[in-house]
C-alpha atoms as a PDB file:
ATOM      1  CA  UNK A   1      -6.383  -7.138  -9.453  1.00  0.00           C
ATOM      2  CA  UNK A   2      -3.992  -8.216 -12.136  1.00  0.00           C
ATOM      3  CA  UNK A   3      -0.751  -9.518 -12.237  1.00  0.00           C
ATOM      4  CA  UNK A   4       1.411  -8.762 -15.894  1.00  0.00           C
ATOM      5  CA  UNK A   5       4.831  -9.117 -16.374  1.00  0.00           C
ATOM      6  CA  UNK A   6       6.893  -6.851 -18.351  1.00  0.00           C
ATOM      7  CA  UNK A   7      10.521  -6.606 -19.086  1.00  0.00           C
ATOM      8  CA  UNK A   8      12.631  -3.404 -19.264  1.00  0.00           C
ATOM      9  CA  UNK A   9      12.246  -3.564 -23.255  1.00  0.00           C
ATOM     10  CA  UNK A  10       8.344  -4.061 -23.203  1.00  0.00           C
ATOM     11  CA  UNK A  11       5.759  -1.904 -22.820  1.00  0.00           C
ATOM     12  CA  UNK A  12       1.721  -2.287 -22.065  1.00  0.00           C
ATOM     13  CA  UNK A  13      -1.099  -0.899 -24.707  1.00  0.00           C
ATOM     14  CA  UNK A  14      -4.009  -2.340 -25.254  1.00  0.00           C
ATOM     15  CA  UNK A  15      -5.375  -3.262 -29.062  1.00  0.00           C
ATOM     16  CA  UNK A  16      -8.210  -1.159 -30.688  1.00  0.00           C
ATOM     17  CA  UNK A  17     -10.335  -3.764 -32.960  1.00  0.00           C
ATOM     18  CA  UNK A  18     -12.117  -0.564 -34.258  1.00  0.00           C
ATOM     19  CA  UNK A  19      -8.139   1.044 -35.588  1.00  0.00           C
ATOM     20  CA  UNK A  20      -6.609  -2.355 -35.562  1.00  0.00           C
ATOM     21  CA  UNK A  21      -4.001  -0.716 -33.742  1.00  0.00           C
ATOM     22  CA  UNK A  22      -2.656  -0.504 -30.115  1.00  0.00           C
ATOM     23  CA  UNK A  23      -3.570   2.707 -28.098  1.00  0.00           C
ATOM     24  CA  UNK A  24      -1.381   3.352 -25.046  1.00  0.00           C
ATOM     25  CA  UNK A  25      -4.036   4.576 -22.900  1.00  0.00           C
ATOM     26  CA  UNK A  26      -5.911   1.621 -20.708  1.00  0.00           C
ATOM     27  CA  UNK A  27      -7.980   3.510 -18.953  1.00  0.00           C
ATOM     28  CA  UNK A  28     -11.054   3.071 -21.568  1.00  0.00           C
ATOM     29  CA  UNK A  29     -10.414  -0.641 -20.914  1.00  0.00           C
ATOM     30  CA  UNK A  30     -10.643  -0.547 -17.446  1.00  0.00           C
ATOM     31  CA  UNK A  31     -13.656   1.834 -17.491  1.00  0.00           C
ATOM     32  CA  UNK A  32     -16.217  -0.172 -15.427  1.00  0.00           C
ATOM     33  CA  UNK A  33     -14.474  -2.743 -13.915  1.00  0.00           C
ATOM     34  CA  UNK A  34     -15.148  -1.903 -10.344  1.00  0.00           C
ATOM     35  CA  UNK A  35     -19.031  -2.066 -10.237  1.00  0.00           C
ATOM     36  CA  UNK A  36     -19.499  -4.315 -13.779  1.00  0.00           C
ATOM     37  CA  UNK A  37     -19.400  -8.031 -12.971  1.00  0.00           C
ATOM     38  CA  UNK A  38     -19.779  -8.228 -16.835  1.00  0.00           C
ATOM     39  CA  UNK A  39     -16.566  -6.858 -17.584  1.00  0.00           C
ATOM     40  CA  UNK A  40     -14.347  -8.739 -19.812  1.00  0.00           C
ATOM     41  CA  UNK A  41     -12.076  -8.468 -17.450  1.00  0.00           C
ATOM     42  CA  UNK A  42     -14.090  -9.875 -14.718  1.00  0.00           C
ATOM     43  CA  UNK A  43     -12.997 -13.909 -14.674  1.00  0.00           C
ATOM     44  CA  UNK A  44     -11.575 -16.145 -12.157  1.00  0.00           C
ATOM     45  CA  UNK A  45      -9.076 -17.258 -13.818  1.00  0.00           C
ATOM     46  CA  UNK A  46      -5.488 -16.598 -15.293  1.00  0.00           C
ATOM     47  CA  UNK A  47      -5.603 -15.489 -18.548  1.00  0.00           C
ATOM     48  CA  UNK A  48      -3.001 -13.593 -20.930  1.00  0.00           C
ATOM     49  CA  UNK A  49      -2.350 -11.090 -23.242  1.00  0.00           C
ATOM     50  CA  UNK A  50      -3.627 -11.315 -26.398  1.00  0.00           C
ATOM     51  CA  UNK A  51      -1.364  -8.911 -28.875  1.00  0.00           C
ATOM     52  CA  UNK A  52       2.002  -7.934 -29.698  1.00  0.00           C
ATOM     53  CA  UNK A  53       3.935  -5.481 -31.315  1.00  0.00           C
ATOM     54  CA  UNK A  54       7.279  -6.657 -32.488  1.00  0.00           C
ATOM     55  CA  UNK A  55      10.103  -4.286 -33.127  1.00  0.00           C
ATOM     56  CA  UNK A  56      11.905  -4.686 -36.373  1.00  0.00           C
ATOM     57  CA  UNK A  57      15.615  -3.635 -36.024  1.00  0.00           C
ATOM     58  CA  UNK A  58      16.871  -1.065 -39.123  1.00  0.00           C
ATOM     59  CA  UNK A  59      19.992  -0.516 -39.503  1.00  0.00           C
ATOM     60  CA  UNK A  60      19.756   2.907 -41.046  1.00  0.00           C
ATOM     61  CA  UNK A  61      18.417   3.826 -37.040  1.00  0.00           C
ATOM     62  CA  UNK A  62      21.398   2.551 -35.644  1.00  0.00           C
ATOM     63  CA  UNK A  63      24.112   3.996 -37.777  1.00  0.00           C
ATOM     64  CA  UNK A  64      22.463   7.096 -36.560  1.00  0.00           C
ATOM     65  CA  UNK A  65      22.943   6.150 -32.603  1.00  0.00           C
ATOM     66  CA  UNK A  66      23.152   2.562 -31.501  1.00  0.00           C
ATOM     67  CA  UNK A  67      20.828   4.158 -28.474  1.00  0.00           C
ATOM     68  CA  UNK A  68      18.006   5.317 -30.252  1.00  0.00           C
ATOM     69  CA  UNK A  69      14.664   5.347 -28.095  1.00  0.00           C
ATOM     70  CA  UNK A  70      12.424   2.179 -29.043  1.00  0.00           C
ATOM     71  CA  UNK A  71       9.518   4.833 -30.828  1.00  0.00           C
ATOM     72  CA  UNK A  72      11.968   4.806 -33.773  1.00  0.00           C
ATOM     73  CA  UNK A  73      11.579   1.440 -34.618  1.00  0.00           C
ATOM     74  CA  UNK A  74       8.835  -0.060 -36.274  1.00  0.00           C
ATOM     75  CA  UNK A  75       7.056  -2.791 -34.761  1.00  0.00           C
ATOM     76  CA  UNK A  76       5.106  -5.552 -36.234  1.00  0.00           C
ATOM     77  CA  UNK A  77       1.241  -5.961 -34.985  1.00  0.00           C
ATOM     78  CA  UNK A  78      -0.076  -9.317 -34.638  1.00  0.00           C
ATOM     79  CA  UNK A  79      -1.890 -11.543 -32.198  1.00  0.00           C
ATOM     80  CA  UNK A  80       0.220 -13.518 -29.713  1.00  0.00           C
ATOM     81  CA  UNK A  81       0.525 -16.788 -29.483  1.00  0.00           C
ATOM     82  CA  UNK A  82      -0.321 -18.811 -26.688  1.00  0.00           C
ATOM     83  CA  UNK A  83       2.294 -18.526 -24.441  1.00  0.00           C
ATOM     84  CA  UNK A  84       3.181 -14.954 -24.312  1.00  0.00           C
ATOM     85  CA  UNK A  85       2.378 -13.265 -21.570  1.00  0.00           C
ATOM     86  CA  UNK A  86      -0.081 -14.167 -18.349  1.00  0.00           C
ATOM     87  CA  UNK A  87      -2.425 -11.959 -17.102  1.00  0.00           C
ATOM     88  CA  UNK A  88      -2.732 -13.008 -13.709  1.00  0.00           C
ATOM     89  CA  UNK A  89      -5.772 -13.201 -11.193  1.00  0.00           C
ATOM     90  CA  UNK A  90      -3.736 -11.904  -8.066  1.00  0.00           C
ATOM     91  CA  UNK A  91      -6.802 -13.285  -6.183  1.00  0.00           C
ATOM     92  CA  UNK A  92      -6.166 -16.440  -6.773  1.00  0.00           C
ATOM     93  CA  UNK A  93      -4.109 -18.865  -4.362  1.00  0.00           C
ATOM     94  CA  UNK A  94      -0.941 -17.570  -4.831  1.00  0.00           C
ATOM     95  CA  UNK A  95       0.648 -21.188  -6.220  1.00  0.00           C
ATOM     96  CA  UNK A  96      -2.008 -21.103  -8.854  1.00  0.00           C
ATOM     97  CA  UNK A  97      -0.550 -18.296 -10.300  1.00  0.00           C
ATOM     98  CA  UNK A  98       3.164 -19.467 -10.519  1.00  0.00           C
ATOM     99  CA  UNK A  99       5.017 -16.653 -12.337  1.00  0.00           C
ATOM    100  CA  UNK A 100       8.254 -17.991 -14.153  1.00  0.00           C
ATOM    101  CA  UNK A 101      11.320 -15.337 -15.106  1.00  0.00           C
ATOM    102  CA  UNK A 102       9.428 -14.152 -18.543  1.00  0.00           C
ATOM    103  CA  UNK A 103       5.939 -13.539 -17.136  1.00  0.00           C
ATOM    104  CA  UNK A 104       4.764 -16.150 -19.558  1.00  0.00           C
ATOM    105  CA  UNK A 105       0.883 -17.671 -19.937  1.00  0.00           C
ATOM    106  CA  UNK A 106       0.771 -20.653 -16.905  1.00  0.00           C
ATOM    107  CA  UNK A 107      -1.149 -24.414 -17.638  1.00  0.00           C
ATOM    108  CA  UNK A 108      -4.091 -22.955 -15.951  1.00  0.00           C
ATOM    109  CA  UNK A 109      -5.009 -19.877 -18.305  1.00  0.00           C
ATOM    110  CA  UNK A 110      -8.217 -19.584 -20.114  1.00  0.00           C
ATOM    111  CA  UNK A 111      -9.020 -17.061 -22.696  1.00  0.00           C
ATOM    112  CA  UNK A 112      -7.864 -13.602 -23.646  1.00  0.00           C
ATOM    113  CA  UNK A 113      -7.542 -10.332 -22.690  1.00  0.00           C
ATOM    114  CA  UNK A 114      -7.269  -7.049 -25.339  1.00  0.00           C
ATOM    115  CA  UNK A 115      -4.250  -6.277 -23.872  1.00  0.00           C
ATOM    116  CA  UNK A 116      -1.124  -5.923 -25.527  1.00  0.00           C
ATOM    117  CA  UNK A 117       2.679  -5.486 -25.334  1.00  0.00           C
ATOM    118  CA  UNK A 118       5.253  -3.789 -27.138  1.00  0.00           C
ATOM    119  CA  UNK A 119       7.983  -5.821 -27.673  1.00  0.00           C
ATOM    120  CA  UNK A 120      11.632  -4.255 -28.630  1.00  0.00           C
ATOM    121  CA  UNK A 121      13.511  -6.772 -28.026  1.00  0.00           C
ATOM    122  CA  UNK A 122      15.548  -6.233 -31.166  1.00  0.00           C
ATOM    123  CA  UNK A 123      16.966  -2.697 -32.398  1.00  0.00           C
ATOM    124  CA  UNK A 124      20.695  -2.637 -32.819  1.00  0.00           C
ATOM    125  CA  UNK A 125      23.399  -5.589 -32.766  1.00  0.00           C
ATOM    126  CA  UNK A 126      25.739  -3.332 -30.357  1.00  0.00           C
ATOM    127  CA  UNK A 127      23.444  -3.901 -27.902  1.00  0.00           C
ATOM    128  CA  UNK A 128      22.051  -7.360 -28.362  1.00  0.00           C
ATOM    129  CA  UNK A 129      25.968  -8.284 -27.624  1.00  0.00           C
ATOM    130  CA  UNK A 130      25.920  -6.341 -24.995  1.00  0.00           C
ATOM    131  CA  UNK A 131      23.224  -7.948 -23.466  1.00  0.00           C
ATOM    132  CA  UNK A 132      24.058 -11.818 -24.573  1.00  0.00           C
ATOM    133  CA  UNK A 133      27.462 -10.571 -22.859  1.00  0.00           C
ATOM    134  CA  UNK A 134      26.099  -9.651 -19.718  1.00  0.00           C
ATOM    135  CA  UNK A 135      24.232 -12.378 -19.328  1.00  0.00           C
ATOM    136  CA  UNK A 136      26.907 -14.975 -20.077  1.00  0.00           C
ATOM    137  CA  UNK A 137      29.190 -13.428 -17.718  1.00  0.00           C
ATOM    138  CA  UNK A 138      26.442 -13.417 -14.944  1.00  0.00           C
ATOM    139  CA  UNK A 139      26.582 -16.786 -15.350  1.00  0.00           C
ATOM    140  CA  UNK A 140      30.161 -17.827 -15.433  1.00  0.00           C
ATOM    141  CA  UNK A 141      30.770 -19.015 -18.746  1.00  0.00           C
ATOM    142  CA  UNK A 142      32.864 -15.731 -19.240  1.00  0.00           C
ATOM    143  CA  UNK A 143      34.780 -13.727 -17.595  1.00  0.00           C
ATOM    144  CA  UNK A 144      34.960  -9.842 -17.734  1.00  0.00           C
ATOM    145  CA  UNK A 145      38.682  -9.940 -18.203  1.00  0.00           C
ATOM    146  CA  UNK A 146      38.529 -12.530 -21.250  1.00  0.00           C
ATOM    147  CA  UNK A 147      40.568 -12.048 -24.434  1.00  0.00           C
ATOM    148  CA  UNK A 148      38.204 -12.213 -27.366  1.00  0.00           C
ATOM    149  CA  UNK A 149      39.733 -15.944 -27.759  1.00  0.00           C
ATOM    150  CA  UNK A 150      39.874 -16.979 -24.681  1.00  0.00           C
ATOM    151  CA  UNK A 151      35.540 -16.225 -24.772  1.00  0.00           C
ATOM    152  CA  UNK A 152      34.849 -17.980 -27.567  1.00  0.00           C
ATOM    153  CA  UNK A 153      37.069 -21.159 -26.307  1.00  0.00           C
ATOM    154  CA  UNK A 154      34.681 -21.214 -22.881  1.00  0.00           C
ATOM    155  CA  UNK A 155      31.847 -20.475 -25.040  1.00  0.00           C
ATOM    156  CA  UNK A 156      32.265 -23.406 -27.708  1.00  0.00           C
ATOM    157  CA  UNK A 157      32.442 -25.883 -24.840  1.00  0.00           C
ATOM    158  CA  UNK A 158      28.940 -25.999 -24.341  1.00  0.00           C
ATOM    159  CA  UNK A 159      28.566 -26.512 -28.210  1.00  0.00           C
ATOM    160  CA  UNK A 160      29.554 -29.223 -30.763  1.00  0.00           C
ATOM    161  CA  UNK A 161      31.235 -26.659 -32.381  1.00  0.00           C
ATOM    162  CA  UNK A 162      35.016 -25.887 -32.662  1.00  0.00           C
ATOM    163  CA  UNK A 163      37.467 -23.064 -33.161  1.00  0.00           C
ATOM    164  CA  UNK A 164      38.571 -24.353 -36.959  1.00  0.00           C
ATOM    165  CA  UNK A 165      36.871 -21.989 -39.379  1.00  0.00           C
ATOM    166  CA  UNK A 166      34.022 -21.436 -37.030  1.00  0.00           C
ATOM    167  CA  UNK A 167      31.997 -19.448 -39.341  1.00  0.00           C
ATOM    168  CA  UNK A 168      31.525 -21.705 -42.016  1.00  0.00           C
ATOM    169  CA  UNK A 169      31.440 -25.591 -39.868  1.00  0.00           C
ATOM    170  CA  UNK A 170      29.678 -24.184 -36.335  1.00  0.00           C
ATOM    171  CA  UNK A 171      26.239 -26.027 -35.941  1.00  0.00           C
ATOM    172  CA  UNK A 172      24.705 -22.827 -33.955  1.00  0.00           C
ATOM    173  CA  UNK A 173      22.384 -25.011 -32.995  1.00  0.00           C
ATOM    174  CA  UNK A 174      24.163 -27.215 -31.210  1.00  0.00           C
ATOM    175  CA  UNK A 175      24.811 -25.107 -28.015  1.00  0.00           C
ATOM    176  CA  UNK A 176      22.825 -26.040 -24.699  1.00  0.00           C
ATOM    177  CA  UNK A 177      22.519 -25.591 -20.882  1.00  0.00           C
ATOM    178  CA  UNK A 178      20.757 -22.069 -19.178  1.00  0.00           C
ATOM    179  CA  UNK A 179      20.486 -19.615 -21.608  1.00  0.00           C
ATOM    180  CA  UNK A 180      22.213 -21.090 -24.633  1.00  0.00           C
ATOM    181  CA  UNK A 181      20.845 -18.860 -26.686  1.00  0.00           C
ATOM    182  CA  UNK A 182      22.791 -16.176 -25.092  1.00  0.00           C
ATOM    183  CA  UNK A 183      26.061 -17.932 -25.501  1.00  0.00           C
ATOM    184  CA  UNK A 184      25.041 -19.531 -28.769  1.00  0.00           C
ATOM    185  CA  UNK A 185      24.931 -15.196 -30.199  1.00  0.00           C
ATOM    186  CA  UNK A 186      27.751 -13.901 -28.192  1.00  0.00           C
ATOM    187  CA  UNK A 187      30.171 -16.588 -29.987  1.00  0.00           C
ATOM    188  CA  UNK A 188      28.543 -15.824 -33.324  1.00  0.00           C
ATOM    189  CA  UNK A 189      29.561 -12.608 -32.503  1.00  0.00           C
ATOM    190  CA  UNK A 190      32.683 -12.428 -31.751  1.00  0.00           C
ATOM    191  CA  UNK A 191      33.749 -14.866 -34.347  1.00  0.00           C
ATOM    192  CA  UNK A 192      31.714 -13.757 -37.201  1.00  0.00           C
ATOM    193  CA  UNK A 193      30.499 -10.091 -36.485  1.00  0.00           C
ATOM    194  CA  UNK A 194      29.952  -9.379 -39.934  1.00  0.00           C
ATOM    195  CA  UNK A 195      27.947 -12.567 -40.264  1.00  0.00           C
ATOM    196  CA  UNK A 196      25.853 -11.629 -37.623  1.00  0.00           C
ATOM    197  CA  UNK A 197      25.205  -7.856 -38.835  1.00  0.00           C
ATOM    198  CA  UNK A 198      23.999  -9.180 -42.124  1.00  0.00           C
ATOM    199  CA  UNK A 199      21.527 -11.409 -40.455  1.00  0.00           C
ATOM    200  CA  UNK A 200      20.686  -9.414 -37.632  1.00  0.00           C
ATOM    201  CA  UNK A 201      19.082  -6.485 -40.153  1.00  0.00           C
ATOM    202  CA  UNK A 202      17.645  -8.585 -42.733  1.00  0.00           C
ATOM    203  CA  UNK A 203      15.221 -11.002 -40.527  1.00  0.00           C
ATOM    204  CA  UNK A 204      12.079 -10.207 -38.219  1.00  0.00           C
ATOM    205  CA  UNK A 205      11.973 -11.343 -35.311  1.00  0.00           C
ATOM    206  CA  UNK A 206       8.254 -13.597 -34.760  1.00  0.00           C
ATOM    207  CA  UNK A 207       8.904 -14.625 -31.071  1.00  0.00           C
ATOM    208  CA  UNK A 208       5.238 -15.429 -30.103  1.00  0.00           C
ATOM    209  CA  UNK A 209       3.714 -13.650 -33.154  1.00  0.00           C
ATOM    210  CA  UNK A 210       0.422 -15.529 -34.270  1.00  0.00           C
ATOM    211  CA  UNK A 211      -1.874 -14.020 -36.950  1.00  0.00           C
ATOM    212  CA  UNK A 212      -0.030 -10.343 -38.444  1.00  0.00           C
ATOM    213  CA  UNK A 213      -2.787  -7.778 -37.997  1.00  0.00           C
ATOM    214  CA  UNK A 214      -1.089  -4.969 -39.726  1.00  0.00           C
ATOM    215  CA  UNK A 215       2.294  -3.627 -41.509  1.00  0.00           C
ATOM    216  CA  UNK A 216       4.879  -2.643 -39.837  1.00  0.00           C
ATOM    217  CA  UNK A 217       5.563   0.613 -38.734  1.00  0.00           C
ATOM    218  CA  UNK A 218       6.443   3.175 -36.284  1.00  0.00           C
ATOM    219  CA  UNK A 219       3.708   3.299 -33.821  1.00  0.00           C
ATOM    220  CA  UNK A 220       2.677   7.209 -33.561  1.00  0.00           C
ATOM    221  CA  UNK A 221       0.699   6.364 -29.886  1.00  0.00           C
ATOM    222  CA  UNK A 222       4.023   5.270 -28.507  1.00  0.00           C
ATOM    223  CA  UNK A 223       6.009   7.827 -29.949  1.00  0.00           C
ATOM    224  CA  UNK A 224       3.630  10.689 -28.312  1.00  0.00           C
ATOM    225  CA  UNK A 225       3.506   8.971 -24.884  1.00  0.00           C
ATOM    226  CA  UNK A 226       7.298   8.546 -24.858  1.00  0.00           C
ATOM    227  CA  UNK A 227       7.629  12.410 -26.103  1.00  0.00           C
ATOM    228  CA  UNK A 228       5.043  13.205 -22.681  1.00  0.00           C
ATOM    229  CA  UNK A 229       6.749  11.158 -20.399  1.00  0.00           C
ATOM    230  CA  UNK A 230      10.345  12.558 -20.999  1.00  0.00           C
ATOM    231  CA  UNK A 231       8.525  16.113 -21.017  1.00  0.00           C
ATOM    232  CA  UNK A 232       6.796  15.439 -17.471  1.00  0.00           C
ATOM    233  CA  UNK A 233       9.148  13.534 -15.813  1.00  0.00           C
ATOM    234  CA  UNK A 234      12.597  15.289 -17.494  1.00  0.00           C
ATOM    235  CA  UNK A 235      14.020  12.194 -18.546  1.00  0.00           C
END
């Protein structure tokens, strides 16, 4: 009935208006959908995910284990912006769905839903650097065999920066092209690691975050669900 594209660092949930929190169970929200034409999810257009829990990088957690699981990180609960994630009506003609790489809202979407997404983009800076490196290699901006200096030199060609005193003089916003933000981050990581560490753990990612609804906290519901999943599937 619906298509919601989620990435590997995202988990689907439902916003509970009474508790002002996320529930990892969607059964209640879907209840009655099949037989009730007035159900809030019975619409003839595309809609969108209404809420987001954006993770906050935690230096204290990462110092223990950079591969700490998502439920160890606090999330900021907020209304999602108008382009975050689409809830696509699978009954529509395919040309009216047009799901892009991020599964973001299309121009023909209307309204919102109580669907919510935990987004654990920000966790440990080493993982962010690894992800950026892999993206740059896939796009052939750099090669796995490149030395640090060679990789920096290759990526700087996609910016207005020079290698001279790069940490103090580079206009990091001058990077352009496909996945330019990955090149930007990885270049800065290779050239100015300490600066990146300081900035990474000192800021809150606000991409797709609208009105904040609750203070940042570790989700008890998500931690409980992850624990049951690990036990059930022996992960």
